N, C-alpha and C. Protein backbone atom coordinates (compact mmCIF):
# COMPACT_ATOMS: atom_id res chain seq x y z
N CYS A 1 7.95 -39.40 -34.45
CA CYS A 1 8.32 -38.23 -33.67
C CYS A 1 7.18 -37.21 -33.75
N LEU A 2 6.86 -36.61 -32.63
CA LEU A 2 5.77 -35.65 -32.59
C LEU A 2 6.27 -34.25 -32.93
N HIS A 3 5.48 -33.55 -33.72
CA HIS A 3 5.81 -32.16 -34.04
C HIS A 3 5.26 -31.26 -32.95
N GLY A 4 5.56 -29.97 -33.04
CA GLY A 4 5.15 -29.00 -32.01
C GLY A 4 3.65 -28.99 -31.75
N ASN A 5 2.84 -28.96 -32.82
CA ASN A 5 1.39 -28.91 -32.65
C ASN A 5 0.84 -30.22 -32.12
N ASP A 6 1.43 -31.34 -32.57
CA ASP A 6 0.98 -32.63 -32.08
C ASP A 6 1.31 -32.80 -30.60
N ARG A 7 2.47 -32.32 -30.21
CA ARG A 7 2.89 -32.43 -28.81
C ARG A 7 1.98 -31.58 -27.92
N ALA A 8 1.62 -30.38 -28.37
CA ALA A 8 0.72 -29.51 -27.61
C ALA A 8 -0.66 -30.15 -27.50
N ALA A 9 -1.13 -30.76 -28.55
CA ALA A 9 -2.43 -31.42 -28.53
C ALA A 9 -2.42 -32.62 -27.59
N LEU A 10 -1.33 -33.37 -27.63
CA LEU A 10 -1.21 -34.53 -26.74
C LEU A 10 -1.14 -34.08 -25.28
N THR A 11 -0.40 -33.00 -25.02
CA THR A 11 -0.32 -32.47 -23.65
C THR A 11 -1.68 -31.98 -23.18
N SER A 12 -2.41 -31.29 -24.03
CA SER A 12 -3.75 -30.81 -23.66
C SER A 12 -4.69 -31.98 -23.40
N ALA A 13 -4.59 -33.03 -24.21
CA ALA A 13 -5.43 -34.21 -24.01
C ALA A 13 -5.10 -34.90 -22.69
N PHE A 14 -3.81 -34.97 -22.36
CA PHE A 14 -3.38 -35.58 -21.10
C PHE A 14 -3.91 -34.78 -19.91
N VAL A 15 -3.75 -33.45 -19.95
CA VAL A 15 -4.21 -32.61 -18.85
C VAL A 15 -5.72 -32.69 -18.73
N LEU A 16 -6.43 -32.66 -19.83
CA LEU A 16 -7.89 -32.76 -19.80
C LEU A 16 -8.35 -34.11 -19.26
N SER A 17 -7.61 -35.17 -19.59
CA SER A 17 -8.00 -36.50 -19.14
C SER A 17 -7.78 -36.70 -17.64
N PHE A 18 -6.66 -36.23 -17.14
CA PHE A 18 -6.31 -36.52 -15.75
C PHE A 18 -6.65 -35.40 -14.77
N PHE A 19 -6.78 -34.17 -15.27
CA PHE A 19 -7.08 -33.03 -14.40
C PHE A 19 -8.18 -32.18 -15.04
N PRO A 20 -9.39 -32.71 -15.15
CA PRO A 20 -10.43 -31.97 -15.88
C PRO A 20 -10.79 -30.62 -15.24
N LEU A 21 -10.83 -30.55 -13.93
CA LEU A 21 -11.15 -29.28 -13.29
C LEU A 21 -10.04 -28.26 -13.49
N LEU A 22 -8.81 -28.72 -13.43
CA LEU A 22 -7.68 -27.82 -13.63
C LEU A 22 -7.68 -27.25 -15.04
N TYR A 23 -8.08 -28.05 -16.00
CA TYR A 23 -8.08 -27.60 -17.39
C TYR A 23 -9.06 -26.45 -17.60
N PHE A 24 -10.25 -26.57 -17.05
CA PHE A 24 -11.28 -25.56 -17.28
C PHE A 24 -11.22 -24.39 -16.30
N PHE A 25 -10.69 -24.62 -15.10
CA PHE A 25 -10.70 -23.59 -14.07
C PHE A 25 -9.29 -23.19 -13.64
N VAL A 26 -8.35 -23.24 -14.54
CA VAL A 26 -6.97 -22.91 -14.21
C VAL A 26 -6.84 -21.47 -13.73
N PHE A 27 -7.71 -20.59 -14.19
CA PHE A 27 -7.65 -19.19 -13.77
C PHE A 27 -8.01 -19.01 -12.30
N LEU A 28 -8.66 -19.99 -11.71
CA LEU A 28 -8.98 -19.93 -10.27
C LEU A 28 -7.87 -20.48 -9.40
N TYR A 29 -7.08 -21.39 -9.91
CA TYR A 29 -6.11 -22.11 -9.08
C TYR A 29 -4.76 -21.43 -8.97
N TYR A 30 -4.49 -20.44 -9.77
CA TYR A 30 -3.16 -19.84 -9.71
C TYR A 30 -2.94 -19.03 -8.44
N THR A 31 -4.00 -18.72 -7.71
CA THR A 31 -3.86 -17.95 -6.47
C THR A 31 -3.85 -18.83 -5.23
N ASP A 32 -3.89 -20.13 -5.37
CA ASP A 32 -3.97 -21.04 -4.22
C ASP A 32 -2.81 -20.87 -3.25
N ILE A 33 -1.61 -20.87 -3.74
CA ILE A 33 -0.45 -20.88 -2.86
C ILE A 33 -0.32 -19.57 -2.11
N ILE A 34 -0.42 -18.46 -2.80
CA ILE A 34 -0.28 -17.16 -2.14
C ILE A 34 -1.46 -16.90 -1.21
N SER A 35 -2.63 -17.37 -1.59
CA SER A 35 -3.81 -17.20 -0.74
C SER A 35 -3.66 -17.97 0.56
N THR A 36 -3.23 -19.21 0.46
CA THR A 36 -3.03 -20.04 1.66
C THR A 36 -1.93 -19.46 2.54
N PHE A 37 -0.87 -18.95 1.93
CA PHE A 37 0.21 -18.34 2.70
C PHE A 37 -0.31 -17.16 3.53
N PHE A 38 -1.07 -16.27 2.92
CA PHE A 38 -1.54 -15.09 3.64
C PHE A 38 -2.59 -15.44 4.69
N VAL A 39 -3.41 -16.45 4.44
CA VAL A 39 -4.38 -16.87 5.46
C VAL A 39 -3.66 -17.44 6.68
N LEU A 40 -2.67 -18.29 6.45
CA LEU A 40 -1.92 -18.87 7.57
C LEU A 40 -1.08 -17.82 8.29
N LEU A 41 -0.55 -16.86 7.54
CA LEU A 41 0.19 -15.76 8.17
C LEU A 41 -0.73 -14.91 9.02
N THR A 42 -1.94 -14.67 8.54
CA THR A 42 -2.94 -13.92 9.31
C THR A 42 -3.23 -14.61 10.64
N TYR A 43 -3.45 -15.90 10.58
CA TYR A 43 -3.76 -16.66 11.79
C TYR A 43 -2.57 -16.69 12.75
N LEU A 44 -1.37 -16.89 12.23
CA LEU A 44 -0.17 -16.90 13.07
C LEU A 44 0.02 -15.56 13.77
N LEU A 45 -0.11 -14.48 13.03
CA LEU A 45 0.07 -13.16 13.63
C LEU A 45 -1.03 -12.85 14.64
N ALA A 46 -2.24 -13.34 14.40
CA ALA A 46 -3.32 -13.15 15.37
C ALA A 46 -3.03 -13.91 16.66
N LEU A 47 -2.47 -15.11 16.53
CA LEU A 47 -2.12 -15.88 17.73
C LEU A 47 -0.99 -15.23 18.51
N GLN A 48 -0.09 -14.56 17.81
CA GLN A 48 1.03 -13.89 18.46
C GLN A 48 0.65 -12.52 19.02
N GLY A 49 -0.55 -12.06 18.76
CA GLY A 49 -1.01 -10.78 19.28
C GLY A 49 -0.59 -9.59 18.44
N LYS A 50 -0.09 -9.82 17.26
CA LYS A 50 0.32 -8.74 16.36
C LYS A 50 -0.87 -8.40 15.46
N ASN A 51 -1.80 -7.65 16.04
CA ASN A 51 -3.09 -7.45 15.38
C ASN A 51 -3.01 -6.59 14.12
N TRP A 52 -2.18 -5.57 14.11
CA TRP A 52 -2.08 -4.72 12.92
C TRP A 52 -1.44 -5.48 11.77
N SER A 53 -0.42 -6.25 12.07
CA SER A 53 0.22 -7.06 11.03
C SER A 53 -0.73 -8.14 10.53
N SER A 54 -1.50 -8.70 11.46
CA SER A 54 -2.49 -9.71 11.08
C SER A 54 -3.56 -9.11 10.18
N ALA A 55 -3.97 -7.89 10.47
CA ALA A 55 -4.97 -7.22 9.63
C ALA A 55 -4.42 -6.95 8.23
N ALA A 56 -3.15 -6.57 8.14
CA ALA A 56 -2.54 -6.31 6.83
C ALA A 56 -2.44 -7.61 6.02
N ALA A 57 -1.99 -8.67 6.66
CA ALA A 57 -1.90 -9.95 5.96
C ALA A 57 -3.28 -10.46 5.57
N GLY A 58 -4.26 -10.24 6.43
CA GLY A 58 -5.63 -10.62 6.11
C GLY A 58 -6.19 -9.85 4.94
N SER A 59 -5.81 -8.59 4.84
CA SER A 59 -6.24 -7.78 3.69
C SER A 59 -5.67 -8.33 2.39
N PHE A 60 -4.40 -8.71 2.42
CA PHE A 60 -3.81 -9.31 1.23
C PHE A 60 -4.47 -10.65 0.89
N ALA A 61 -4.84 -11.42 1.92
CA ALA A 61 -5.51 -12.70 1.69
C ALA A 61 -6.86 -12.48 1.02
N VAL A 62 -7.59 -11.47 1.45
CA VAL A 62 -8.89 -11.18 0.86
C VAL A 62 -8.73 -10.63 -0.56
N LEU A 63 -7.65 -9.88 -0.80
CA LEU A 63 -7.41 -9.38 -2.15
C LEU A 63 -7.08 -10.53 -3.11
N CYS A 64 -6.44 -11.59 -2.61
CA CYS A 64 -6.16 -12.75 -3.46
C CYS A 64 -7.43 -13.52 -3.77
N ARG A 65 -8.19 -13.78 -2.75
CA ARG A 65 -9.46 -14.50 -2.90
C ARG A 65 -10.47 -13.93 -1.91
N GLN A 66 -11.60 -13.54 -2.41
CA GLN A 66 -12.60 -12.92 -1.56
C GLN A 66 -13.22 -13.90 -0.57
N THR A 67 -13.18 -15.18 -0.87
CA THR A 67 -13.73 -16.17 0.06
C THR A 67 -12.88 -16.32 1.31
N ASN A 68 -11.68 -15.76 1.30
CA ASN A 68 -10.82 -15.82 2.49
C ASN A 68 -11.35 -14.94 3.62
N ILE A 69 -12.38 -14.16 3.35
CA ILE A 69 -12.95 -13.32 4.40
C ILE A 69 -13.44 -14.18 5.56
N VAL A 70 -13.82 -15.40 5.27
CA VAL A 70 -14.26 -16.32 6.33
C VAL A 70 -13.10 -16.62 7.28
N TRP A 71 -11.92 -16.93 6.72
CA TRP A 71 -10.76 -17.26 7.55
C TRP A 71 -10.19 -16.03 8.24
N VAL A 72 -10.27 -14.89 7.59
CA VAL A 72 -9.82 -13.65 8.22
C VAL A 72 -10.75 -13.31 9.38
N GLY A 73 -12.05 -13.54 9.19
CA GLY A 73 -13.00 -13.34 10.29
C GLY A 73 -12.72 -14.28 11.45
N PHE A 74 -12.36 -15.51 11.15
CA PHE A 74 -12.00 -16.46 12.20
C PHE A 74 -10.78 -15.97 12.98
N SER A 75 -9.77 -15.48 12.25
CA SER A 75 -8.57 -14.97 12.92
C SER A 75 -8.89 -13.74 13.76
N ALA A 76 -9.77 -12.89 13.27
CA ALA A 76 -10.19 -11.72 14.05
C ALA A 76 -10.94 -12.16 15.30
N ALA A 77 -11.77 -13.18 15.18
CA ALA A 77 -12.48 -13.68 16.36
C ALA A 77 -11.51 -14.25 17.39
N VAL A 78 -10.46 -14.91 16.94
CA VAL A 78 -9.44 -15.43 17.85
C VAL A 78 -8.76 -14.29 18.59
N ALA A 79 -8.42 -13.22 17.87
CA ALA A 79 -7.75 -12.07 18.49
C ALA A 79 -8.68 -11.37 19.48
N ILE A 80 -9.95 -11.23 19.13
CA ILE A 80 -10.92 -10.59 20.02
C ILE A 80 -11.14 -11.43 21.27
N LEU A 81 -11.26 -12.73 21.09
CA LEU A 81 -11.44 -13.62 22.23
C LEU A 81 -10.22 -13.57 23.15
N ASP A 82 -9.03 -13.54 22.59
CA ASP A 82 -7.81 -13.43 23.38
C ASP A 82 -7.78 -12.12 24.17
N PHE A 83 -8.23 -11.03 23.54
CA PHE A 83 -8.28 -9.74 24.22
C PHE A 83 -9.26 -9.77 25.40
N PHE A 84 -10.44 -10.35 25.17
CA PHE A 84 -11.41 -10.41 26.25
C PHE A 84 -10.97 -11.33 27.38
N LEU A 85 -10.28 -12.39 27.05
CA LEU A 85 -9.74 -13.26 28.11
C LEU A 85 -8.67 -12.54 28.92
N LEU A 86 -7.88 -11.69 28.29
CA LEU A 86 -6.90 -10.88 29.00
C LEU A 86 -7.59 -9.91 29.96
N ILE A 87 -8.66 -9.29 29.49
CA ILE A 87 -9.42 -8.37 30.34
C ILE A 87 -10.05 -9.11 31.51
N LEU A 88 -10.64 -10.25 31.25
CA LEU A 88 -11.28 -11.02 32.33
C LEU A 88 -10.26 -11.50 33.35
N SER A 89 -9.10 -11.91 32.90
CA SER A 89 -8.09 -12.35 33.87
C SER A 89 -7.57 -11.17 34.68
N ALA A 90 -7.47 -9.98 34.07
CA ALA A 90 -7.03 -8.80 34.81
C ALA A 90 -8.07 -8.39 35.84
N VAL A 91 -9.33 -8.46 35.46
CA VAL A 91 -10.41 -8.11 36.40
C VAL A 91 -10.47 -9.13 37.53
N ALA A 92 -10.27 -10.40 37.20
CA ALA A 92 -10.31 -11.44 38.23
C ALA A 92 -9.18 -11.26 39.25
N ARG A 93 -8.03 -10.77 38.80
CA ARG A 93 -6.93 -10.51 39.71
C ARG A 93 -7.03 -9.15 40.38
N GLY A 94 -7.95 -8.34 39.93
CA GLY A 94 -8.13 -7.02 40.52
C GLY A 94 -7.10 -6.01 40.05
N ILE A 95 -6.49 -6.27 38.93
CA ILE A 95 -5.48 -5.35 38.40
C ILE A 95 -6.16 -4.47 37.34
N LYS A 96 -6.42 -3.23 37.70
CA LYS A 96 -7.05 -2.34 36.74
C LYS A 96 -6.02 -1.59 35.89
N GLY A 97 -4.76 -1.69 36.23
CA GLY A 97 -3.72 -1.01 35.47
C GLY A 97 -3.56 -1.60 34.06
N LEU A 98 -3.94 -2.85 33.87
CA LEU A 98 -3.83 -3.45 32.54
C LEU A 98 -4.93 -2.99 31.60
N LEU A 99 -6.01 -2.47 32.18
CA LEU A 99 -7.12 -2.03 31.36
C LEU A 99 -6.85 -0.61 30.88
N PHE A 100 -6.50 -0.46 29.65
CA PHE A 100 -6.07 0.85 29.15
C PHE A 100 -7.24 1.80 28.94
N PHE A 101 -8.46 1.30 28.98
CA PHE A 101 -9.60 2.20 28.77
C PHE A 101 -10.23 2.66 30.07
N CYS A 102 -9.69 2.26 31.22
CA CYS A 102 -10.23 2.71 32.52
C CYS A 102 -9.52 3.94 33.01
């Protein structure tokens, strides 16, 4: 029968053997789930045209992991492209009422 210290040592050996990166870099992986959630929420809100909400979710994503700035930038580019396509379609139809800056 294993005692408390033996069991902890065996568990550490198992984790080190099968998940070596997780053992040494566990402090990096605890933000994976929340980071992915906020990145996907940012993209979803950008696709729905909810730009302020998308910016807030993107801010939380960047606060979780700074490398998420790449995905937040992608979502911002999607929102900007969608806005410009709306403007171009309004100009093509000759409707200036949709252009709020004219």
